[in-house]
C-alpha atoms as a PDB file:
ATOM      1  CA  UNK A   1      -0.234  -0.034  -0.388  1.00  0.00           C
ATOM      2  CA  UNK A   2       1.083   3.986  -0.646  1.00  0.00           C
ATOM      3  CA  UNK A   3       0.085   6.561   2.093  1.00  0.00           C
ATOM      4  CA  UNK A   4      -0.351   9.745   1.159  1.00  0.00           C
ATOM      5  CA  UNK A   5      -0.998  12.760   3.581  1.00  0.00           C
ATOM      6  CA  UNK A   6      -3.497  15.289   2.215  1.00  0.00           C
ATOM      7  CA  UNK A   7      -2.017  18.484   2.433  1.00  0.00           C
ATOM      8  CA  UNK A   8      -3.808  21.320   4.341  1.00  0.00           C
ATOM      9  CA  UNK A   9      -6.138  21.798   7.295  1.00  0.00           C
ATOM     10  CA  UNK A  10      -9.248  19.440   6.684  1.00  0.00           C
ATOM     11  CA  UNK A  11     -12.714  19.552   7.640  1.00  0.00           C
ATOM     12  CA  UNK A  12     -13.221  17.081  10.521  1.00  0.00           C
ATOM     13  CA  UNK A  13     -16.786  16.744   9.527  1.00  0.00           C
ATOM     14  CA  UNK A  14     -16.455  15.174   6.391  1.00  0.00           C
ATOM     15  CA  UNK A  15     -17.473  11.264   5.485  1.00  0.00           C
ATOM     16  CA  UNK A  16     -16.346   8.800   3.236  1.00  0.00           C
ATOM     17  CA  UNK A  17     -18.047  10.468   0.338  1.00  0.00           C
ATOM     18  CA  UNK A  18     -16.619  14.100   0.784  1.00  0.00           C
ATOM     19  CA  UNK A  19     -12.766  12.856   1.539  1.00  0.00           C
ATOM     20  CA  UNK A  20     -13.000  10.315  -1.854  1.00  0.00           C
ATOM     21  CA  UNK A  21     -14.097  13.816  -3.214  1.00  0.00           C
ATOM     22  CA  UNK A  22     -11.435  15.488  -1.387  1.00  0.00           C
ATOM     23  CA  UNK A  23      -8.461  12.984  -2.913  1.00  0.00           C
ATOM     24  CA  UNK A  24      -9.873  13.073  -6.779  1.00  0.00           C
ATOM     25  CA  UNK A  25     -10.496  16.895  -6.733  1.00  0.00           C
ATOM     26  CA  UNK A  26      -7.346  17.963  -4.601  1.00  0.00           C
ATOM     27  CA  UNK A  27      -5.254  15.142  -4.801  1.00  0.00           C
ATOM     28  CA  UNK A  28      -5.669  14.040  -8.058  1.00  0.00           C
ATOM     29  CA  UNK A  29      -5.663  10.112  -7.410  1.00  0.00           C
ATOM     30  CA  UNK A  30      -8.569   7.257  -7.564  1.00  0.00           C
ATOM     31  CA  UNK A  31      -9.389   6.603  -3.760  1.00  0.00           C
ATOM     32  CA  UNK A  32      -9.818   2.154  -5.255  1.00  0.00           C
ATOM     33  CA  UNK A  33      -6.392   2.288  -6.386  1.00  0.00           C
ATOM     34  CA  UNK A  34      -6.554   0.329  -2.292  1.00  0.00           C
ATOM     35  CA  UNK A  35      -3.659   3.318  -1.072  1.00  0.00           C
ATOM     36  CA  UNK A  36      -4.498   4.792   1.744  1.00  0.00           C
ATOM     37  CA  UNK A  37      -5.134   8.916   1.857  1.00  0.00           C
ATOM     38  CA  UNK A  38      -4.581  10.995   5.202  1.00  0.00           C
ATOM     39  CA  UNK A  39      -6.344  13.588   6.152  1.00  0.00           C
ATOM     40  CA  UNK A  40      -5.353  15.592   9.836  1.00  0.00           C
ATOM     41  CA  UNK A  41      -7.252  18.766  11.514  1.00  0.00           C
ATOM     42  CA  UNK A  42      -6.128  22.404  12.033  1.00  0.00           C
ATOM     43  CA  UNK A  43      -5.129  21.303  15.921  1.00  0.00           C
ATOM     44  CA  UNK A  44      -3.271  17.825  14.469  1.00  0.00           C
ATOM     45  CA  UNK A  45      -5.322  16.263  17.685  1.00  0.00           C
ATOM     46  CA  UNK A  46      -7.454  13.450  15.305  1.00  0.00           C
ATOM     47  CA  UNK A  47      -6.611  12.119  12.476  1.00  0.00           C
ATOM     48  CA  UNK A  48      -9.067   9.829   9.931  1.00  0.00           C
ATOM     49  CA  UNK A  49      -7.788   7.341   7.639  1.00  0.00           C
ATOM     50  CA  UNK A  50      -9.449   6.635   4.489  1.00  0.00           C
ATOM     51  CA  UNK A  51      -9.336   3.654   2.887  1.00  0.00           C
ATOM     52  CA  UNK A  52     -11.035   1.135   0.234  1.00  0.00           C
ATOM     53  CA  UNK A  53     -10.784  -2.547   0.504  1.00  0.00           C
ATOM     54  CA  UNK A  54     -13.167  -5.558  -0.794  1.00  0.00           C
ATOM     55  CA  UNK A  55     -16.437  -5.213  -0.208  1.00  0.00           C
ATOM     56  CA  UNK A  56     -16.104  -1.233   0.421  1.00  0.00           C
ATOM     57  CA  UNK A  57     -14.387   1.440   1.563  1.00  0.00           C
ATOM     58  CA  UNK A  58     -13.073   2.560   5.338  1.00  0.00           C
ATOM     59  CA  UNK A  59     -12.943   5.259   7.295  1.00  0.00           C
ATOM     60  CA  UNK A  60     -10.643   5.283  10.593  1.00  0.00           C
ATOM     61  CA  UNK A  61     -10.362   7.485  13.191  1.00  0.00           C
ATOM     62  CA  UNK A  62      -8.477   8.332  15.423  1.00  0.00           C
ATOM     63  CA  UNK A  63      -8.375  11.758  18.318  1.00  0.00           C
ATOM     64  CA  UNK A  64      -5.671  12.374  20.638  1.00  0.00           C
ATOM     65  CA  UNK A  65      -6.452  13.226  24.516  1.00  0.00           C
ATOM     66  CA  UNK A  66      -3.278  14.141  24.945  1.00  0.00           C
ATOM     67  CA  UNK A  67      -0.127  15.518  22.491  1.00  0.00           C
ATOM     68  CA  UNK A  68      -0.167  16.720  19.045  1.00  0.00           C
ATOM     69  CA  UNK A  69       0.604  15.113  15.814  1.00  0.00           C
ATOM     70  CA  UNK A  70       3.610  15.466  14.049  1.00  0.00           C
ATOM     71  CA  UNK A  71       3.539  15.951  10.705  1.00  0.00           C
ATOM     72  CA  UNK A  72       6.463  14.904   8.177  1.00  0.00           C
ATOM     73  CA  UNK A  73       8.832  16.853   6.629  1.00  0.00           C
ATOM     74  CA  UNK A  74       6.284  18.220   2.878  1.00  0.00           C
ATOM     75  CA  UNK A  75       8.727  17.886  -0.261  1.00  0.00           C
ATOM     76  CA  UNK A  76       8.140  20.364  -2.131  1.00  0.00           C
ATOM     77  CA  UNK A  77      10.731  18.315  -4.880  1.00  0.00           C
ATOM     78  CA  UNK A  78       7.367  15.880  -5.527  1.00  0.00           C
ATOM     79  CA  UNK A  79       4.923  18.011  -4.097  1.00  0.00           C
ATOM     80  CA  UNK A  80       3.498  15.310  -1.660  1.00  0.00           C
ATOM     81  CA  UNK A  81       4.804  13.990   2.319  1.00  0.00           C
ATOM     82  CA  UNK A  82       6.170  10.562   0.684  1.00  0.00           C
ATOM     83  CA  UNK A  83       5.099   8.640   3.917  1.00  0.00           C
ATOM     84  CA  UNK A  84       5.223   5.199   4.258  1.00  0.00           C
ATOM     85  CA  UNK A  85       3.924   2.475   6.785  1.00  0.00           C
ATOM     86  CA  UNK A  86       6.190   3.194   9.430  1.00  0.00           C
ATOM     87  CA  UNK A  87       6.588   6.681   9.180  1.00  0.00           C
ATOM     88  CA  UNK A  88       2.522   6.378   9.453  1.00  0.00           C
ATOM     89  CA  UNK A  89       2.914   4.671  12.668  1.00  0.00           C
ATOM     90  CA  UNK A  90       5.979   6.877  14.413  1.00  0.00           C
ATOM     91  CA  UNK A  91       2.968   9.606  14.073  1.00  0.00           C
ATOM     92  CA  UNK A  92      -0.028   7.856  15.960  1.00  0.00           C
ATOM     93  CA  UNK A  93       2.345   6.938  18.720  1.00  0.00           C
ATOM     94  CA  UNK A  94       4.259   9.649  18.565  1.00  0.00           C
ATOM     95  CA  UNK A  95       7.280   8.054  18.171  1.00  0.00           C
ATOM     96  CA  UNK A  96      10.231  10.447  17.677  1.00  0.00           C
ATOM     97  CA  UNK A  97      14.049   8.867  16.263  1.00  0.00           C
ATOM     98  CA  UNK A  98      15.135  10.699  20.117  1.00  0.00           C
ATOM     99  CA  UNK A  99      13.112   8.213  23.000  1.00  0.00           C
ATOM    100  CA  UNK A 100      13.477  11.258  24.832  1.00  0.00           C
ATOM    101  CA  UNK A 101      11.104  13.503  23.255  1.00  0.00           C
ATOM    102  CA  UNK A 102       8.523  10.701  22.512  1.00  0.00           C
ATOM    103  CA  UNK A 103       5.342  12.710  22.000  1.00  0.00           C
ATOM    104  CA  UNK A 104       2.583  13.105  25.276  1.00  0.00           C
ATOM    105  CA  UNK A 105       0.220  10.175  25.093  1.00  0.00           C
ATOM    106  CA  UNK A 106      -3.037   9.163  26.855  1.00  0.00           C
ATOM    107  CA  UNK A 107      -1.994   5.859  28.478  1.00  0.00           C
ATOM    108  CA  UNK A 108      -5.565   4.203  28.339  1.00  0.00           C
ATOM    109  CA  UNK A 109      -5.731   1.317  31.072  1.00  0.00           C
END
């Protein structure tokens, strides 16, 4: 799978159909190819992942109770945020290259 982070702010009230329009119109991709499209709100506290799989569309939501998401660096040459699976996991979990700088996350207990 490929992972694409939508640049700019995203209205997180959107649902599957509206995000499909964003993927097509703003990002220039076809959601049906199975890629994962990532949307983050202005405060970087809510993330939605849109993905097409056999049988239909899936929309995952992660809302942070503590901390924020750190977005990868924007690559002006490719006009995108280059991302792989590990980059997404690190962003969601607040993991940085330096363990002493890991971001705060609420511990489920």
